[in-house]
Amino acid sequence: PLQLLAYYTAVEKGCDVDKPRNLAKSVTVE
């Protein structure tokens, strides 16, 4: 999904790495 792609982009930029830690785990599992 686009949302997932946008999330990864934000993570790569280092914008939302500290906050969505649980989300990152969910994405990794998926």
PDB file of N, CA and C in Angstrom:
ATOM      1  N   PRO A   1       0.833  -1.221   0.000  1.00  0.00           N
ATOM      2  CA  PRO A   1       0.000   0.000   0.000  1.00  0.00           C
ATOM      3  C   PRO A   1       0.856   1.254   0.000  1.00  0.00           C
ATOM      4  N   LEU A   2       0.259   2.339  -0.452  1.00  0.00           N
ATOM      5  CA  LEU A   2       1.000   3.607  -0.500  1.00  0.00           C
ATOM      6  C   LEU A   2       1.376   4.052   0.897  1.00  0.00           C
ATOM      7  N   GLN A   3       0.501   3.802   1.845  1.00  0.00           N
ATOM      8  CA  GLN A   3       0.776   4.235   3.219  1.00  0.00           C
ATOM      9  C   GLN A   3       2.056   3.566   3.723  1.00  0.00           C
ATOM     10  N   LEU A   4       2.205   2.300   3.417  1.00  0.00           N
ATOM     11  CA  LEU A   4       3.386   1.572   3.857  1.00  0.00           C
ATOM     12  C   LEU A   4       4.626   2.168   3.200  1.00  0.00           C
ATOM     13  N   LEU A   5       4.522   2.469   1.923  1.00  0.00           N
ATOM     14  CA  LEU A   5       5.651   3.051   1.205  1.00  0.00           C
ATOM     15  C   LEU A   5       6.022   4.396   1.814  1.00  0.00           C
ATOM     16  N   ALA A   6       5.007   5.193   2.097  1.00  0.00           N
ATOM     17  CA  ALA A   6       5.255   6.511   2.692  1.00  0.00           C
ATOM     18  C   ALA A   6       5.913   6.345   4.052  1.00  0.00           C
ATOM     19  N   TYR A   7       5.484   5.350   4.790  1.00  0.00           N
ATOM     20  CA  TYR A   7       6.067   5.106   6.113  1.00  0.00           C
ATOM     21  C   TYR A   7       7.548   4.752   5.979  1.00  0.00           C
ATOM     22  N   TYR A   8       7.841   3.879   5.049  1.00  0.00           N
ATOM     23  CA  TYR A   8       9.238   3.492   4.852  1.00  0.00           C
ATOM     24  C   TYR A   8      10.076   4.698   4.450  1.00  0.00           C
ATOM     25  N   THR A   9       9.500   5.554   3.598  1.00  0.00           N
ATOM     26  CA  THR A   9      10.220   6.758   3.172  1.00  0.00           C
ATOM     27  C   THR A   9      10.524   7.637   4.361  1.00  0.00           C
ATOM     28  N   ALA A  10       9.546   7.801   5.233  1.00  0.00           N
ATOM     29  CA  ALA A  10       9.749   8.638   6.420  1.00  0.00           C
ATOM     30  C   ALA A  10      10.819   8.019   7.310  1.00  0.00           C
ATOM     31  N   VAL A  11      10.805   6.712   7.423  1.00  0.00           N
ATOM     32  CA  VAL A  11      11.796   6.037   8.266  1.00  0.00           C
ATOM     33  C   VAL A  11      13.190   6.235   7.679  1.00  0.00           C
ATOM     34  N   GLU A  12      13.295   6.090   6.374  1.00  0.00           N
ATOM     35  CA  GLU A  12      14.606   6.247   5.737  1.00  0.00           C
ATOM     36  C   GLU A  12      15.120   7.658   5.934  1.00  0.00           C
ATOM     37  N   LYS A  13      14.210   8.624   5.928  1.00  0.00           N
ATOM     38  CA  LYS A  13      14.622  10.018   6.120  1.00  0.00           C
ATOM     39  C   LYS A  13      14.939  10.283   7.581  1.00  0.00           C
ATOM     40  N   GLY A  14      14.455   9.410   8.460  1.00  0.00           N
ATOM     41  CA  GLY A  14      14.735   9.598   9.875  1.00  0.00           C
ATOM     42  C   GLY A  14      13.724  10.541  10.509  1.00  0.00           C
ATOM     43  N   CYS A  15      12.541  10.628   9.915  1.00  0.00           N
ATOM     44  CA  CYS A  15      11.525  11.538  10.456  1.00  0.00           C
ATOM     45  C   CYS A  15      10.735  10.833  11.554  1.00  0.00           C
ATOM     46  N   ASP A  16      10.359   9.596  11.293  1.00  0.00           N
ATOM     47  CA  ASP A  16       9.516   8.879  12.262  1.00  0.00           C
ATOM     48  C   ASP A  16      10.177   7.568  12.664  1.00  0.00           C
ATOM     49  N   VAL A  17      11.372   7.672  13.158  1.00  0.00           N
ATOM     50  CA  VAL A  17      12.062   6.446  13.566  1.00  0.00           C
ATOM     51  C   VAL A  17      11.900   6.234  15.062  1.00  0.00           C
ATOM     52  N   ASP A  18      11.821   7.341  15.781  1.00  0.00           N
ATOM     53  CA  ASP A  18      11.726   7.244  17.235  1.00  0.00           C
ATOM     54  C   ASP A  18      10.306   6.911  17.668  1.00  0.00           C
ATOM     55  N   LYS A  19       9.340   7.450  16.965  1.00  0.00           N
ATOM     56  CA  LYS A  19       7.948   7.290  17.402  1.00  0.00           C
ATOM     57  C   LYS A  19       7.379   5.914  17.043  1.00  0.00           C
ATOM     58  N   PRO A  20       7.203   5.617  15.781  1.00  0.00           N
ATOM     59  CA  PRO A  20       6.520   4.363  15.399  1.00  0.00           C
ATOM     60  C   PRO A  20       7.424   3.152  15.490  1.00  0.00           C
ATOM     61  N   ARG A  21       7.882   2.851  16.677  1.00  0.00           N
ATOM     62  CA  ARG A  21       8.747   1.681  16.817  1.00  0.00           C
ATOM     63  C   ARG A  21       7.908   0.412  16.699  1.00  0.00           C
ATOM     64  N   ASN A  22       6.753   0.408  17.330  1.00  0.00           N
ATOM     65  CA  ASN A  22       5.877  -0.769  17.238  1.00  0.00           C
ATOM     66  C   ASN A  22       5.422  -0.954  15.800  1.00  0.00           C
ATOM     67  N   LEU A  23       5.143   0.154  15.139  1.00  0.00           N
ATOM     68  CA  LEU A  23       4.690   0.084  13.757  1.00  0.00           C
ATOM     69  C   LEU A  23       5.785  -0.551  12.898  1.00  0.00           C
ATOM     70  N   ALA A  24       7.007  -0.163  13.165  1.00  0.00           N
ATOM     71  CA  ALA A  24       8.125  -0.706  12.392  1.00  0.00           C
ATOM     72  C   ALA A  24       8.173  -2.221  12.560  1.00  0.00           C
ATOM     73  N   LYS A  25       7.953  -2.678  13.790  1.00  0.00           N
ATOM     74  CA  LYS A  25       7.971  -4.127  14.026  1.00  0.00           C
ATOM     75  C   LYS A  25       6.852  -4.788  13.232  1.00  0.00           C
ATOM     76  N   SER A  26       5.692  -4.147  13.201  1.00  0.00           N
ATOM     77  CA  SER A  26       4.559  -4.707  12.466  1.00  0.00           C
ATOM     78  C   SER A  26       4.910  -4.790  10.986  1.00  0.00           C
ATOM     79  N   VAL A  27       5.503  -3.733  10.484  1.00  0.00           N
ATOM     80  CA  VAL A  27       5.853  -3.708   9.065  1.00  0.00           C
ATOM     81  C   VAL A  27       6.893  -4.781   8.771  1.00  0.00           C
ATOM     82  N   THR A  28       7.835  -4.932   9.668  1.00  0.00           N
ATOM     83  CA  THR A  28       8.881  -5.936   9.444  1.00  0.00           C
ATOM     84  C   THR A  28       8.267  -7.330   9.412  1.00  0.00           C
ATOM     85  N   VAL A  29       7.336  -7.581  10.303  1.00  0.00           N
ATOM     86  CA  VAL A  29       6.695  -8.896  10.344  1.00  0.00           C
ATOM     87  C   VAL A  29       5.923  -9.136   9.058  1.00  0.00           C
ATOM     88  N   GLU A  30       5.293  -8.081   8.563  1.00  0.00           N
ATOM     89  CA  GLU A  30       4.526  -8.245   7.335  1.00  0.00           C
ATOM     90  C   GLU A  30       5.486  -8.324   6.160  1.00  0.00           C
TER      91      GLU A  30
END
